[in-house]
Amino acid sequence: MSAKSCSLKRKVWTYLTLFSCIILICLWLFQVVFLNSYYTWYKQRDLEKVVDQIAKSYHPDTLETMLDTISYEQGVCIEIITDGETSYGSDRFNKGCMLLSPKKEKPVLDQVETEDKKLEDLKESKKETVNDMIAFQDKFMNSKKKRDHIILTNPRFHNQMLIYGLKLDKDVYAFISASLQPLDATTKILTSQFIFVSIGVLIFSFVIGYIISKKISKPVTQLNDEATKMAKGNYDVHFDSNSDIKEIDELAQTLNQAKDELANTEELRRELLANVSHDLKTPLTMIKAYAEMVRDLTYQDDKKRTEHLNVIIEESDRLNELVNDILELSKMQSNLTELHQENFNITELVHTIVSRFQILTEVEGYQFIVTSKKDYVVYADIKKIEQVIYNLVGNAINYTGTDKKIKITIKEVNDRIRVEIKDTGNGIKEEELHKIWDKYYKSNKKHKRNAYGTGLGLSIVKQILEYHHALYGVQSKVGKGTTFYFELEKKKDV
């Protein structure tokens, strides 16, 4: 395991905690750090809407009523200057408004005389703001602009005021203003509140993160423990996640399927070793025994020597056939086999293969019944299909009933040519049908040397037919025999 790796529970807990921290940081940024900036942008946008509304709805007869409504509802200061004099002011709705005209020498506030230091500072501050307002009004009215705005900042108290200038008509100007009151007090309250909220959220996220991480990691840990046992060769395990997470349940099902397949593969491996060892040992033993008999006993008897040498040759052929089948199957499973497809008469091929078993008809009474309405032509690798038919016929010979009948039917089904090879034997149980294509599989689980073939025939058949993308299968009923079939493409124009 890598030094950097850590448990799933710890990772989930860490990610959930980091997520909570990121959310808190975002809240701090938007609710505390950038609150003043957002407030300024928001007020500026609202004031722009007010200016647009006044510009669109301007009419001299209804102007005052409209301005009263806007000033009251929006909380803004509005001053209308006509021919250099203030003709309208909204100070009756907002007492904080500072209304003046450029011709006024002093604002009302200058008439207030007091010894209070705070009021003196306030008076001086507002005087500075008023002077800036007068300068902006003069500049705007002397310009040719129809709309302009400015943000005035008081250098002493750092408070701001947003002012829009709007030309409504000839010598008629509107000045709309709103205070951008700093939110320092609000920010302090939010900061204090957020400290407690952040601590609470972090503690809550730690606890919830731990619970969630434990809930997610526990079934995965259980699956890992069982998988570790399976990796050591113990297939007597069961993967049960006991989880309400869909992906973990699916993983448990997949691991159970993998376990079953590995168990079957291991069982087949043992059978394969046992069967191959038996099939290799038997002919080698026969070859050695008869060779010693020829050397020591029958080397002078021509008849017996010939018989014994023939046995040696037959066993050598059988051994060669077994090795070739193993090599052929290995090549096909490694995708090293190439197909050489062509059009050929499959009906004629079947009759040719059946003729090779003619000695069984003459000596042992086997009956081969071939049924075909006409000659059918298919597109496939003729040598591979010959091997398929030969293996299936050999399999039928080994397992047919006491009547020793093998029926071979060739017919057309759904624009494909179907070949069926049927025996009259004991049949195969339904639950064992999918296993018969496995190497050396025997329904009685005991090795039985076939009269024909090496025990690898059906595995080779399966590989060849899958190479051709052919449809194939088996149908069987206990006590009524078994039918193997495959379907090939019809003749092609090549």
Protein backbone atom coordinates (compact mmCIF):
# COMPACT_ATOMS: atom_id res chain seq x y z
CA MET A 1 0.00 0.00 0.00
CA SER A 2 1.28 3.47 -0.88
CA ALA A 3 2.50 5.66 1.97
CA LYS A 4 0.13 8.39 0.76
CA SER A 5 -2.93 6.18 0.75
CA CYS A 6 -5.45 6.33 3.58
CA SER A 7 -8.73 4.70 4.50
CA LEU A 8 -12.00 5.45 2.70
CA LYS A 9 -13.57 6.59 5.99
CA ARG A 10 -10.84 9.15 6.54
CA LYS A 11 -11.03 10.45 2.98
CA VAL A 12 -14.81 10.86 3.07
CA TRP A 13 -14.60 12.58 6.47
CA THR A 14 -11.84 14.90 5.19
CA TYR A 15 -13.72 15.84 2.01
CA LEU A 16 -16.95 16.57 3.89
CA THR A 17 -15.07 18.74 6.39
CA LEU A 18 -13.27 20.61 3.60
CA PHE A 19 -16.59 21.15 1.86
CA SER A 20 -18.04 22.69 5.02
CA CYS A 21 -14.98 24.95 5.39
CA ILE A 22 -15.28 26.12 1.79
CA ILE A 23 -18.95 26.98 2.31
CA LEU A 24 -18.08 28.95 5.46
CA ILE A 25 -15.30 30.83 3.66
CA CYS A 26 -17.70 31.76 0.85
CA LEU A 27 -20.25 33.01 3.40
CA TRP A 28 -17.58 35.08 5.15
CA LEU A 29 -16.51 36.63 1.85
CA PHE A 30 -19.98 37.51 0.61
CA GLN A 31 -21.68 38.36 3.90
CA VAL A 32 -18.82 40.20 5.67
CA VAL A 33 -15.81 41.06 3.49
CA PHE A 34 -17.68 42.14 0.34
CA LEU A 35 -20.87 43.33 2.01
CA ASN A 36 -20.14 47.06 1.55
CA SER A 37 -19.17 46.57 -2.08
CA TYR A 38 -22.31 44.59 -2.78
CA TYR A 39 -24.45 47.17 -0.99
CA THR A 40 -22.95 50.00 -3.10
CA TRP A 41 -23.57 48.08 -6.32
CA TYR A 42 -27.12 47.25 -5.27
CA LYS A 43 -28.00 50.87 -4.36
CA GLN A 44 -26.47 52.15 -7.58
CA ARG A 45 -28.55 49.73 -9.61
CA ASP A 46 -31.75 50.77 -7.78
CA LEU A 47 -31.00 54.47 -8.28
CA GLU A 48 -30.46 53.87 -12.00
CA LYS A 49 -33.93 52.33 -12.17
CA VAL A 50 -35.39 55.41 -10.43
CA VAL A 51 -33.64 57.68 -12.93
CA ASP A 52 -34.98 55.61 -15.84
CA GLN A 53 -38.49 55.77 -14.41
CA ILE A 54 -38.37 59.58 -14.05
CA ALA A 55 -36.97 60.00 -17.56
CA LYS A 56 -39.66 57.81 -19.14
CA SER A 57 -42.60 59.19 -17.13
CA TYR A 58 -41.71 62.90 -17.21
CA HIS A 59 -44.64 65.24 -17.80
CA PRO A 60 -44.80 68.81 -16.36
CA ASP A 61 -48.42 68.49 -15.20
CA THR A 62 -47.95 65.27 -13.20
CA LEU A 63 -44.29 65.64 -12.32
CA GLU A 64 -44.73 66.63 -8.66
CA THR A 65 -47.16 63.80 -7.86
CA MET A 66 -44.90 61.27 -9.53
CA LEU A 67 -41.82 62.51 -7.68
CA ASP A 68 -43.63 62.43 -4.34
CA THR A 69 -44.53 58.78 -4.92
CA ILE A 70 -41.03 57.77 -6.03
CA SER A 71 -39.29 59.63 -3.19
CA TYR A 72 -41.61 58.13 -0.58
CA GLU A 73 -41.46 54.56 -1.89
CA GLN A 74 -37.78 54.43 -2.82
CA GLY A 75 -36.40 56.59 0.04
CA VAL A 76 -34.37 58.85 -2.26
CA CYS A 77 -33.87 62.62 -2.38
CA ILE A 78 -35.10 64.38 -5.51
CA GLU A 79 -34.55 68.02 -6.41
CA ILE A 80 -35.90 69.71 -9.56
CA ILE A 81 -34.10 72.87 -10.68
CA THR A 82 -35.87 75.06 -13.23
CA ASP A 83 -34.14 78.15 -14.62
CA GLY A 84 -31.53 77.90 -11.88
CA GLU A 85 -34.02 77.77 -8.97
CA THR A 86 -35.26 74.82 -6.95
CA SER A 87 -38.85 74.17 -8.07
CA TYR A 88 -39.36 70.87 -6.25
CA GLY A 89 -37.75 69.13 -3.28
CA SER A 90 -38.61 65.85 -1.60
CA ASP A 91 -37.41 66.91 1.85
CA ARG A 92 -40.92 66.57 3.29
CA PHE A 93 -40.61 62.81 2.88
CA ASN A 94 -36.92 62.45 3.74
CA LYS A 95 -35.70 64.97 6.31
CA GLY A 96 -32.11 63.96 5.68
CA CYS A 97 -32.15 65.48 2.20
CA MET A 98 -29.92 68.46 1.56
CA LEU A 99 -31.70 70.58 -1.05
CA LEU A 100 -30.13 73.68 -2.50
CA SER A 101 -29.82 75.66 -5.62
CA PRO A 102 -26.56 76.99 -7.02
CA LYS A 103 -27.71 80.57 -6.28
CA LYS A 104 -28.06 79.94 -2.55
CA GLU A 105 -25.05 81.17 -0.71
CA LYS A 106 -25.48 79.06 2.43
CA PRO A 107 -27.42 75.95 3.20
CA VAL A 108 -29.90 75.92 6.02
CA LEU A 109 -27.40 74.07 8.22
CA ASP A 110 -25.09 77.11 8.31
CA GLN A 111 -27.66 78.97 10.38
CA VAL A 112 -27.30 76.49 13.25
CA GLU A 113 -24.96 77.78 15.97
CA THR A 114 -23.90 75.41 18.68
CA GLU A 115 -20.98 74.79 21.01
CA ASP A 116 -21.30 70.99 20.76
CA LYS A 117 -18.09 69.54 19.22
CA LYS A 118 -19.88 66.61 17.50
CA LEU A 119 -22.42 68.92 15.91
CA GLU A 120 -19.64 71.22 14.78
CA ASP A 121 -17.88 68.27 13.12
CA LEU A 122 -21.13 67.21 11.52
CA LYS A 123 -21.77 70.72 10.26
CA GLU A 124 -18.31 70.97 8.73
CA SER A 125 -18.71 67.55 7.16
CA LYS A 126 -22.01 68.39 5.53
CA LYS A 127 -20.68 71.74 4.35
CA GLU A 128 -17.97 69.93 2.45
CA THR A 129 -20.52 67.57 0.91
CA VAL A 130 -22.79 70.50 -0.03
CA ASN A 131 -19.93 72.25 -1.78
CA ASP A 132 -19.21 69.15 -3.80
CA MET A 133 -22.89 68.84 -4.69
CA ILE A 134 -22.98 72.46 -5.88
CA ALA A 135 -19.89 71.86 -8.02
CA PHE A 136 -21.44 68.75 -9.59
CA GLN A 137 -24.76 70.54 -10.31
CA ASP A 138 -22.99 73.51 -11.91
CA LYS A 139 -20.82 71.26 -14.03
CA PHE A 140 -23.74 69.09 -15.17
CA MET A 141 -26.07 71.96 -16.04
CA ASN A 142 -23.31 73.67 -18.01
CA SER A 143 -22.57 70.54 -19.97
CA LYS A 144 -24.54 69.09 -22.87
CA LYS A 145 -25.00 65.72 -21.18
CA LYS A 146 -28.50 64.36 -20.62
CA ARG A 147 -27.40 62.10 -17.76
CA ASP A 148 -24.44 61.83 -15.44
CA HIS A 149 -23.63 60.59 -11.95
CA ILE A 150 -21.02 60.98 -9.23
CA ILE A 151 -20.18 59.36 -5.89
CA LEU A 152 -19.21 61.92 -3.27
CA THR A 153 -17.08 60.78 -0.34
CA ASN A 154 -16.76 62.75 2.87
CA PRO A 155 -13.04 62.71 3.78
CA ARG A 156 -13.73 63.10 7.50
CA PHE A 157 -16.36 60.41 8.10
CA HIS A 158 -15.79 58.39 4.90
CA ASN A 159 -19.50 58.22 4.17
CA GLN A 160 -20.62 58.32 0.54
CA MET A 161 -23.48 59.78 -1.44
CA LEU A 162 -24.55 58.75 -4.94
CA ILE A 163 -25.99 61.57 -7.07
CA TYR A 164 -27.54 61.30 -10.53
CA GLY A 165 -28.10 64.32 -12.74
CA LEU A 166 -30.86 64.10 -15.36
CA LYS A 167 -31.90 66.70 -17.95
CA LEU A 168 -35.67 66.55 -18.31
CA ASP A 169 -36.34 69.55 -20.53
CA LYS A 170 -34.83 72.85 -21.55
CA ASP A 171 -33.54 74.48 -18.33
CA VAL A 172 -35.25 71.68 -16.28
CA TYR A 173 -32.88 69.41 -14.36
CA ALA A 174 -33.47 66.64 -11.86
CA PHE A 175 -30.93 65.60 -9.24
CA ILE A 176 -31.61 62.27 -7.51
CA SER A 177 -29.42 61.27 -4.58
CA ALA A 178 -29.16 58.45 -2.05
CA SER A 179 -26.84 57.92 0.86
CA LEU A 180 -24.42 55.00 0.69
CA GLN A 181 -24.28 54.64 4.44
CA PRO A 182 -21.31 52.41 5.44
CA LEU A 183 -22.38 49.09 6.92
CA ASP A 184 -19.56 48.86 9.42
CA ALA A 185 -21.94 48.37 12.35
CA THR A 186 -23.83 45.69 10.46
CA THR A 187 -20.56 44.05 9.45
CA LYS A 188 -19.43 43.91 13.08
CA ILE A 189 -22.70 42.26 14.10
CA LEU A 190 -22.46 39.74 11.26
CA THR A 191 -18.81 39.01 12.10
CA SER A 192 -19.65 38.35 15.73
CA GLN A 193 -22.58 36.18 14.74
CA PHE A 194 -20.58 34.31 12.10
CA ILE A 195 -17.90 33.34 14.60
CA PHE A 196 -20.44 31.35 16.62
CA VAL A 197 -22.15 30.05 13.46
CA SER A 198 -18.81 28.90 12.01
CA ILE A 199 -17.82 27.07 15.18
CA GLY A 200 -21.23 25.37 15.31
CA VAL A 201 -21.15 24.42 11.63
CA LEU A 202 -17.61 23.01 11.89
CA ILE A 203 -18.48 20.89 14.92
CA PHE A 204 -21.67 19.73 13.20
CA SER A 205 -19.77 18.91 9.98
CA PHE A 206 -17.15 16.93 11.93
CA VAL A 207 -19.84 14.79 13.55
CA ILE A 208 -21.97 14.33 10.43
CA GLY A 209 -18.86 13.70 8.31
CA TYR A 210 -17.75 10.97 10.69
CA ILE A 211 -21.18 9.31 10.68
CA ILE A 212 -21.50 9.45 6.87
CA SER A 213 -17.93 8.26 6.28
CA LYS A 214 -18.44 5.34 8.65
CA LYS A 215 -21.72 4.41 6.97
CA ILE A 216 -20.12 4.45 3.52
CA SER A 217 -16.83 2.81 4.43
CA LYS A 218 -18.20 -0.02 6.61
CA PRO A 219 -19.78 -2.09 3.77
CA VAL A 220 -16.76 -1.44 1.53
CA THR A 221 -14.45 -2.65 4.32
CA GLN A 222 -16.56 -5.80 4.72
CA LEU A 223 -16.38 -6.46 0.99
CA ASN A 224 -12.61 -5.94 1.06
CA ASP A 225 -12.19 -8.43 3.92
CA GLU A 226 -14.15 -11.09 2.03
CA ALA A 227 -12.25 -10.31 -1.20
CA THR A 228 -8.95 -10.77 0.67
CA LYS A 229 -10.07 -14.25 1.74
CA MET A 230 -11.05 -15.05 -1.85
CA ALA A 231 -7.66 -13.84 -3.12
CA LYS A 232 -6.03 -16.45 -0.85
CA GLY A 233 -8.01 -19.23 -2.53
CA ASN A 234 -10.94 -19.46 -0.14
CA TYR A 235 -14.06 -19.44 -2.35
CA ASP A 236 -16.38 -20.30 0.53
CA VAL A 237 -17.18 -16.63 1.08
CA HIS A 238 -20.23 -14.50 0.47
CA PHE A 239 -20.29 -10.81 -0.36
CA ASP A 240 -23.16 -9.12 1.46
CA SER A 241 -22.84 -5.33 1.82
CA ASN A 242 -25.99 -4.71 3.92
CA SER A 243 -25.95 -1.25 2.37
CA ASP A 244 -28.63 1.00 0.97
CA ILE A 245 -26.16 2.38 -1.59
CA LYS A 246 -26.94 1.07 -5.06
CA GLU A 247 -23.35 0.99 -6.35
CA ILE A 248 -22.09 -0.95 -3.30
CA ASP A 249 -24.91 -3.51 -3.66
CA GLU A 250 -24.04 -3.90 -7.34
CA LEU A 251 -20.38 -4.36 -6.41
CA ALA A 252 -21.34 -7.09 -3.94
CA GLN A 253 -23.37 -8.88 -6.64
CA THR A 254 -20.50 -8.59 -9.11
CA LEU A 255 -18.04 -9.99 -6.59
CA ASN A 256 -20.37 -12.91 -5.84
CA GLN A 257 -20.56 -13.65 -9.57
CA ALA A 258 -16.77 -13.38 -9.87
CA LYS A 259 -16.38 -15.71 -6.89
CA ASP A 260 -18.67 -18.30 -8.49
CA GLU A 261 -16.80 -18.06 -11.80
CA LEU A 262 -13.42 -18.38 -10.09
CA ALA A 263 -14.66 -21.38 -8.12
CA ASN A 264 -15.90 -23.02 -11.32
CA THR A 265 -12.65 -22.18 -13.09
CA GLU A 266 -10.62 -23.68 -10.25
CA GLU A 267 -12.72 -26.84 -10.33
CA LEU A 268 -12.36 -27.11 -14.10
CA ARG A 269 -8.62 -26.53 -13.80
CA ARG A 270 -8.30 -29.47 -11.45
CA GLU A 271 -10.43 -31.62 -13.76
CA LEU A 272 -8.43 -30.50 -16.77
CA LEU A 273 -5.15 -31.46 -15.13
CA ALA A 274 -6.55 -34.81 -14.04
CA ASN A 275 -8.08 -35.59 -17.44
CA VAL A 276 -5.13 -34.43 -19.53
CA SER A 277 -2.78 -36.36 -17.24
CA HIS A 278 -4.95 -39.46 -17.66
CA ASP A 279 -5.21 -39.07 -21.43
CA LEU A 280 -1.47 -38.54 -21.76
CA LYS A 281 -0.56 -41.32 -19.36
CA THR A 282 -2.77 -44.00 -20.90
CA PRO A 283 -1.34 -43.98 -24.47
CA LEU A 284 2.20 -43.52 -23.17
CA THR A 285 1.77 -46.55 -20.91
CA MET A 286 0.36 -48.58 -23.81
CA ILE A 287 3.16 -47.51 -26.12
CA LYS A 288 5.82 -48.43 -23.56
CA ALA A 289 4.20 -51.77 -22.70
CA TYR A 290 3.79 -52.95 -26.30
CA ALA A 291 7.23 -51.69 -27.26
CA GLU A 292 8.73 -53.79 -24.45
CA MET A 293 6.67 -56.80 -25.55
CA VAL A 294 7.98 -56.48 -29.10
CA ARG A 295 11.53 -56.10 -27.82
CA ASP A 296 11.45 -58.96 -25.36
CA LEU A 297 8.77 -61.44 -26.52
CA THR A 298 7.26 -61.09 -29.98
CA TYR A 299 10.10 -59.68 -32.06
CA GLN A 300 10.42 -63.08 -33.81
CA ASP A 301 6.64 -63.66 -34.26
CA ASP A 302 5.68 -61.67 -37.36
CA LYS A 303 1.94 -61.75 -36.70
CA LYS A 304 2.03 -60.74 -33.04
CA ARG A 305 4.79 -58.22 -33.68
CA THR A 306 2.65 -56.57 -36.34
CA GLU A 307 -0.39 -56.48 -34.02
CA HIS A 308 1.62 -54.96 -31.21
CA LEU A 309 3.21 -52.36 -33.51
CA ASN A 310 -0.25 -51.42 -34.79
CA VAL A 311 -1.36 -50.78 -31.19
CA ILE A 312 1.69 -48.57 -30.70
CA ILE A 313 0.80 -46.63 -33.87
CA GLU A 314 -2.85 -46.23 -32.84
CA GLU A 315 -1.92 -44.99 -29.38
CA SER A 316 0.63 -42.61 -30.91
CA ASP A 317 -2.08 -41.25 -33.20
CA ARG A 318 -4.40 -40.80 -30.25
CA LEU A 319 -1.66 -39.01 -28.32
CA ASN A 320 -0.96 -36.79 -31.33
CA GLU A 321 -4.67 -36.02 -31.68
CA LEU A 322 -4.89 -34.98 -28.03
CA VAL A 323 -1.85 -32.68 -28.29
CA ASN A 324 -3.20 -31.13 -31.51
CA ASP A 325 -6.59 -30.47 -29.89
CA ILE A 326 -4.95 -28.79 -26.90
CA LEU A 327 -2.81 -26.63 -29.20
CA GLU A 328 -5.79 -25.78 -31.42
CA LEU A 329 -7.95 -24.78 -28.48
CA SER A 330 -5.13 -22.69 -27.02
CA LYS A 331 -4.62 -20.87 -30.32
CA MET A 332 -8.32 -20.07 -30.68
CA GLN A 333 -8.64 -18.84 -27.11
CA SER A 334 -5.61 -16.59 -27.72
CA ASN A 335 -7.19 -15.19 -30.91
CA LEU A 336 -4.32 -16.52 -33.01
CA THR A 337 -6.50 -18.46 -35.45
CA GLU A 338 -7.39 -16.93 -38.81
CA LEU A 339 -10.51 -17.85 -40.78
CA HIS A 340 -10.35 -18.53 -44.50
CA GLN A 341 -13.98 -18.23 -45.49
CA GLU A 342 -15.42 -19.33 -48.80
CA ASN A 343 -18.62 -20.70 -50.34
CA PHE A 344 -18.93 -24.49 -50.08
CA ASN A 345 -21.58 -27.22 -50.20
CA ILE A 346 -22.24 -28.15 -46.56
CA THR A 347 -24.60 -31.00 -47.51
CA GLU A 348 -21.79 -32.66 -49.44
CA LEU A 349 -19.39 -32.07 -46.54
CA VAL A 350 -21.73 -33.78 -44.08
CA HIS A 351 -22.02 -36.87 -46.33
CA THR A 352 -18.21 -36.98 -46.66
CA ILE A 353 -17.72 -36.89 -42.89
CA VAL A 354 -20.40 -39.54 -42.26
CA SER A 355 -18.67 -41.85 -44.74
CA ARG A 356 -15.60 -41.85 -42.52
CA PHE A 357 -17.64 -43.61 -39.84
CA GLN A 358 -18.83 -46.30 -42.25
CA ILE A 359 -16.78 -48.91 -40.40
CA LEU A 360 -18.99 -48.36 -37.33
CA THR A 361 -22.05 -49.13 -39.42
CA GLU A 362 -20.53 -52.35 -40.71
CA VAL A 363 -18.91 -53.57 -37.50
CA GLU A 364 -21.02 -52.16 -34.62
CA GLY A 365 -24.37 -51.47 -36.27
CA TYR A 366 -24.49 -47.67 -35.99
CA GLN A 367 -27.05 -45.88 -38.19
CA PHE A 368 -26.34 -42.42 -39.62
CA ILE A 369 -29.50 -40.78 -41.02
CA VAL A 370 -28.82 -37.61 -43.04
CA THR A 371 -31.85 -35.50 -44.03
CA SER A 372 -31.55 -32.59 -46.48
CA LYS A 373 -34.10 -31.39 -49.05
CA LYS A 374 -31.36 -30.10 -51.35
CA ASP A 375 -27.72 -29.15 -51.45
CA TYR A 376 -27.09 -26.07 -49.29
CA VAL A 377 -24.17 -23.70 -49.79
CA VAL A 378 -22.75 -21.69 -46.88
CA TYR A 379 -20.04 -19.07 -46.42
CA ALA A 380 -17.49 -20.21 -43.82
CA ASP A 381 -14.07 -21.75 -43.23
CA ILE A 382 -14.55 -25.26 -44.63
CA LYS A 383 -11.77 -26.88 -42.58
CA LYS A 384 -13.05 -25.40 -39.30
CA ILE A 385 -16.66 -26.38 -40.01
CA GLU A 386 -15.47 -29.88 -40.94
CA GLN A 387 -13.88 -30.07 -37.50
CA VAL A 388 -17.14 -28.89 -35.89
CA ILE A 389 -19.26 -31.51 -37.63
CA TYR A 390 -16.71 -34.26 -37.00
CA ASN A 391 -16.58 -33.46 -33.27
CA LEU A 392 -20.37 -33.26 -32.93
CA VAL A 393 -20.87 -36.56 -34.79
CA GLY A 394 -18.17 -38.18 -32.61
CA ASN A 395 -19.92 -36.84 -29.51
CA ALA A 396 -23.25 -38.30 -30.71
CA ILE A 397 -21.59 -41.68 -31.31
CA ASN A 398 -20.27 -41.73 -27.75
CA TYR A 399 -23.60 -40.87 -26.10
CA THR A 400 -26.36 -42.21 -28.35
CA GLY A 401 -28.79 -44.86 -27.12
CA THR A 402 -28.84 -48.61 -27.56
CA ASP A 403 -30.46 -48.21 -31.00
CA LYS A 404 -27.18 -46.57 -32.09
CA LYS A 405 -28.99 -43.99 -34.25
CA ILE A 406 -27.53 -40.58 -35.12
CA LYS A 407 -29.76 -38.20 -37.06
CA ILE A 408 -28.24 -35.29 -39.01
CA THR A 409 -30.63 -32.69 -40.45
CA ILE A 410 -29.71 -29.80 -42.77
CA LYS A 411 -32.32 -27.13 -43.43
CA GLU A 412 -32.89 -23.42 -44.02
CA VAL A 413 -34.03 -21.30 -41.06
CA ASN A 414 -34.46 -17.51 -41.25
CA ASP A 415 -32.11 -17.07 -44.24
CA ARG A 416 -29.43 -19.17 -42.56
CA ILE A 417 -28.46 -22.82 -42.98
CA ARG A 418 -29.00 -24.89 -39.84
CA VAL A 419 -27.29 -28.21 -39.10
CA GLU A 420 -28.72 -30.42 -36.35
CA ILE A 421 -27.02 -33.54 -34.96
CA LYS A 422 -29.22 -35.63 -32.67
CA ASP A 423 -28.51 -38.71 -30.56
CA THR A 424 -30.96 -40.95 -28.68
CA GLY A 425 -29.05 -41.20 -25.43
CA ASN A 426 -29.97 -40.43 -21.82
CA GLY A 427 -29.99 -36.69 -22.35
CA ILE A 428 -28.58 -33.93 -20.16
CA LYS A 429 -30.15 -32.24 -17.15
CA GLU A 430 -31.26 -28.67 -17.79
CA GLU A 431 -29.04 -27.22 -15.05
CA GLU A 432 -25.98 -28.85 -16.70
CA LEU A 433 -26.61 -27.73 -20.29
CA HIS A 434 -24.55 -24.51 -19.99
CA LYS A 435 -21.57 -26.48 -18.64
CA ILE A 436 -21.16 -28.99 -21.46
CA TRP A 437 -19.06 -26.56 -23.52
CA ASP A 438 -16.41 -26.56 -20.79
CA LYS A 439 -13.23 -28.51 -21.30
CA TYR A 440 -13.51 -32.11 -20.09
CA TYR A 441 -16.88 -31.51 -18.46
CA LYS A 442 -18.69 -34.76 -17.65
CA SER A 443 -22.16 -34.86 -16.14
CA ASN A 444 -21.18 -37.69 -13.80
CA LYS A 445 -17.99 -35.86 -12.80
CA LYS A 446 -15.96 -38.99 -13.47
CA HIS A 447 -13.43 -39.35 -16.22
CA LYS A 448 -14.56 -41.66 -18.96
CA ARG A 449 -12.44 -42.14 -21.99
CA ASN A 450 -14.48 -41.56 -25.13
CA ALA A 451 -14.47 -43.96 -28.00
CA TYR A 452 -13.85 -41.00 -30.29
CA GLY A 453 -12.34 -37.63 -29.44
CA THR A 454 -10.20 -36.25 -26.63
CA GLY A 455 -12.72 -34.61 -24.32
CA LEU A 456 -11.97 -31.19 -25.80
CA GLY A 457 -14.33 -31.53 -28.77
CA LEU A 458 -17.21 -29.34 -27.57
CA SER A 459 -14.86 -26.61 -26.36
CA ILE A 460 -13.27 -26.51 -29.81
CA VAL A 461 -16.73 -26.48 -31.43
CA LYS A 462 -17.74 -23.50 -29.29
CA GLN A 463 -14.60 -21.52 -30.15
CA ILE A 464 -14.91 -22.17 -33.90
CA LEU A 465 -18.59 -21.21 -34.03
CA GLU A 466 -17.98 -18.05 -32.03
CA TYR A 467 -15.20 -17.16 -34.45
CA HIS A 468 -17.81 -17.40 -37.23
CA HIS A 469 -20.37 -15.39 -35.19
CA ALA A 470 -22.65 -18.37 -35.76
CA LEU A 471 -25.77 -19.17 -33.79
CA TYR A 472 -25.38 -22.43 -31.86
CA GLY A 473 -26.83 -24.30 -28.94
CA VAL A 474 -28.07 -27.56 -27.49
CA GLN A 475 -31.50 -28.96 -26.69
CA SER A 476 -31.92 -31.99 -24.48
CA LYS A 477 -34.53 -33.93 -22.52
CA VAL A 478 -33.60 -36.54 -19.98
CA GLY A 479 -34.31 -40.00 -21.41
CA LYS A 480 -35.00 -38.69 -24.93
CA GLY A 481 -31.60 -37.69 -26.26
CA THR A 482 -29.74 -34.50 -27.13
CA THR A 483 -29.65 -32.29 -30.21
CA PHE A 484 -26.70 -30.00 -31.01
CA TYR A 485 -27.24 -27.35 -33.68
CA PHE A 486 -25.49 -24.44 -35.38
CA GLU A 487 -26.48 -21.96 -38.08
CA LEU A 488 -24.22 -20.44 -40.75
CA GLU A 489 -24.63 -17.66 -43.28
CA LYS A 490 -25.83 -18.64 -46.74
CA LYS A 491 -23.75 -18.34 -49.89
CA LYS A 492 -22.23 -14.92 -50.52
CA ASP A 493 -21.25 -13.25 -53.75
CA VAL A 494 -17.46 -12.97 -53.52
